[in-house]
Protein backbone atom coordinates (compact mmCIF):
# COMPACT_ATOMS: atom_id res chain seq x y z
CA MET A 1 177.51 162.06 179.22
CA SER A 2 176.75 158.46 180.12
CA LYS A 3 175.54 156.04 177.48
CA LYS A 4 172.13 155.70 179.14
CA GLU A 5 171.53 159.42 179.21
CA GLY A 6 169.66 161.06 176.34
CA TYR A 7 170.59 164.29 174.64
CA ILE A 8 169.13 166.91 172.32
CA ILE A 9 170.48 167.74 168.87
CA MET A 10 169.39 170.77 166.87
CA GLY A 11 169.95 170.61 163.12
CA ILE A 12 170.19 173.81 161.09
CA ASP A 13 169.71 174.17 157.35
CA PRO A 14 171.21 177.60 156.59
CA GLY A 15 169.30 180.21 154.61
CA PHE A 16 168.40 183.87 154.86
CA GLY A 17 164.83 183.79 153.53
CA ARG A 18 164.11 180.53 155.32
CA MET A 19 166.45 178.83 157.78
CA GLY A 20 165.31 175.35 158.67
CA PHE A 21 165.65 173.93 162.15
CA GLY A 22 164.94 170.50 163.54
CA VAL A 23 165.25 169.33 167.13
CA ILE A 24 165.48 165.68 168.13
CA TYR A 25 165.93 163.76 171.37
CA VAL A 26 168.44 160.92 171.09
CA GLU A 27 168.75 157.99 173.42
CA GLY A 28 170.99 155.14 172.39
CA MET A 29 170.38 154.53 168.69
CA SER A 30 166.86 155.92 168.62
CA ALA A 31 165.66 159.44 167.95
CA ALA A 32 162.38 161.18 168.68
CA LEU A 33 161.07 164.40 167.20
CA ILE A 34 160.87 167.39 169.52
CA ASP A 35 160.29 170.30 167.14
CA TYR A 36 160.92 171.55 163.62
CA GLY A 37 160.16 174.55 161.46
CA VAL A 38 161.69 177.50 159.71
CA ILE A 39 162.88 180.93 160.66
CA THR A 40 161.56 183.22 157.94
CA THR A 41 162.59 186.74 157.06
CA THR A 42 160.85 189.29 154.87
CA SER A 43 162.45 189.92 151.49
CA GLY A 44 161.69 193.66 151.61
CA ASP A 45 163.59 194.18 154.87
CA ALA A 46 167.16 195.44 154.95
CA PHE A 47 169.55 192.49 154.89
CA GLU A 48 171.14 193.40 158.23
CA ASN A 49 167.68 193.38 159.82
CA ARG A 50 167.02 189.95 158.34
CA LEU A 51 170.24 188.70 159.95
CA LEU A 52 169.20 190.23 163.27
CA HIS A 53 165.82 188.50 163.01
CA ILE A 54 167.59 185.15 162.43
CA ALA A 55 169.88 185.76 165.42
CA ASN A 56 166.97 186.61 167.71
CA ASP A 57 164.93 183.60 166.64
CA LEU A 58 167.90 181.26 167.04
CA GLU A 59 168.52 182.65 170.51
CA GLU A 60 164.90 181.88 171.44
CA LEU A 61 165.25 178.33 170.08
CA PHE A 62 168.43 177.77 172.13
CA VAL A 63 166.76 179.05 175.29
CA HIS A 64 163.61 176.99 174.70
CA HIS A 65 165.16 173.67 173.60
CA LYS A 66 168.54 173.78 175.36
CA PRO A 67 170.29 171.57 172.78
CA ASN A 68 173.36 169.64 173.85
CA TYR A 69 174.70 169.69 170.29
CA VAL A 70 174.10 171.56 167.04
CA ALA A 71 174.65 170.22 163.54
CA ILE A 72 174.72 172.51 160.52
CA GLU A 73 175.06 171.95 156.80
CA LYS A 74 178.26 173.09 155.10
CA LEU A 75 177.58 175.39 152.20
CA PHE A 76 177.05 174.11 148.72
CA PHE A 77 177.56 176.89 146.19
CA GLY A 78 174.95 176.85 143.49
CA LYS A 79 174.35 179.17 140.57
CA SER A 80 174.10 182.60 142.18
CA ALA A 81 177.17 184.05 143.89
CA THR A 82 175.03 186.76 145.50
CA THR A 83 172.66 184.23 147.03
CA ALA A 84 175.59 182.09 148.17
CA MET A 85 177.15 185.07 149.95
CA GLN A 86 173.89 185.89 151.71
CA VAL A 87 173.41 182.27 152.79
CA ALA A 88 177.03 182.25 154.02
CA GLU A 89 176.34 185.35 156.12
CA ALA A 90 173.18 183.80 157.58
CA ARG A 91 175.15 180.61 158.29
CA GLY A 92 177.71 182.76 160.08
CA ILE A 93 174.93 184.08 162.32
CA ALA A 94 173.94 180.48 163.13
CA LEU A 95 177.55 179.63 164.00
CA LEU A 96 177.85 182.76 166.13
CA MET A 97 174.64 182.07 168.05
CA THR A 98 175.69 178.46 168.61
CA ALA A 99 179.06 179.60 169.97
CA ARG A 100 177.35 182.23 172.12
CA ALA A 101 175.13 179.51 173.58
CA GLY A 102 178.23 177.43 174.33
CA VAL A 103 176.96 174.43 172.38
CA PRO A 104 179.35 172.10 170.47
CA ILE A 105 178.78 172.14 166.72
CA ALA A 106 179.33 169.66 163.91
CA GLU A 107 179.30 170.50 160.22
CA PHE A 108 178.28 168.13 157.44
CA THR A 109 178.29 168.31 153.65
CA PRO A 110 175.09 167.56 151.70
CA ALA A 111 176.62 164.23 150.58
CA GLN A 112 177.42 163.25 154.18
CA ILE A 113 173.85 164.04 155.22
CA LYS A 114 172.36 162.01 152.36
CA LYS A 115 174.69 159.08 153.08
CA ALA A 116 173.91 159.12 156.81
CA THR A 117 170.14 159.19 156.31
CA THR A 118 169.75 156.99 153.22
CA GLY A 119 173.01 155.07 152.86
CA ASP A 120 173.63 156.80 149.51
CA GLY A 121 175.55 160.09 149.26
CA LYS A 122 173.89 160.78 145.90
CA ALA A 123 170.32 160.17 147.07
CA THR A 124 167.58 162.54 145.96
CA LYS A 125 166.23 165.17 148.31
CA ALA A 126 162.86 163.36 148.22
CA GLY A 127 164.51 160.07 149.18
CA MET A 128 166.31 161.72 152.07
CA GLN A 129 163.12 163.35 153.33
CA LYS A 130 161.25 160.03 153.12
CA MET A 131 163.95 158.48 155.34
CA VAL A 132 163.60 161.35 157.83
CA GLN A 133 159.90 160.50 158.04
CA GLN A 134 160.66 156.81 158.59
CA LEU A 135 163.53 157.28 161.04
CA LEU A 136 161.42 159.58 163.23
CA GLY A 137 158.22 157.53 162.84
CA LEU A 138 156.21 160.44 161.43
CA ASP A 139 152.88 160.22 159.62
CA ARG A 140 154.16 162.43 156.82
CA ILE A 141 157.29 164.12 155.53
CA PRO A 142 157.95 167.32 157.49
CA LYS A 143 157.28 170.52 155.57
CA PRO A 144 158.65 172.84 154.38
CA ASP A 145 161.72 171.21 152.80
CA ASP A 146 164.11 173.38 154.85
CA ALA A 147 162.72 171.90 158.08
CA ALA A 148 162.94 168.31 156.78
CA ASP A 149 166.53 168.99 155.71
CA ALA A 150 167.34 170.35 159.18
CA LEU A 151 165.98 167.15 160.73
CA ALA A 152 168.17 165.11 158.36
CA ILE A 153 171.16 167.18 159.54
CA ALA A 154 170.27 166.49 163.18
CA LEU A 155 169.92 162.76 162.45
CA THR A 156 173.33 162.79 160.76
CA ALA A 157 174.87 164.08 163.98
CA MET A 158 173.59 161.06 165.93
CA GLY A 159 176.59 159.06 164.80
CA LYS A 160 179.13 161.75 165.65
CA ARG A 161 181.47 161.27 168.57
CA TRP A 162 181.27 164.56 170.42
């Protein structure tokens, strides 16, 4: 890809109840918002059906946006092992769908994402989301949080050498 040519990055914030996505257009050192939101699944559904729903929605996003690159957050294990396993399985679906689409992927830790967007790897989530708003020139912080986080992940990938 030449330096003057723009490209599309899709950021993914893994989850099984809500998986955030953010799509940006990058040209040079500037980024513009294309789309953001969340893929939501119903808690009463069988887990395998929730994973299928995520896969189908991701496939639609890949077809619609045709990203050149995907960036995804590496897992941070919190308090619940059960929740962590389910998020890991949903993240696996995102990795699978990215590979199926033939799109290069980059993975970043939460600290790398915070450092790339705010300059501080220990920044607060609110501080990171405020920087997403500023970097993309938005009137307000994107909601819900999962979508803002996905945009931060996409912005982090801007500096990656693919």
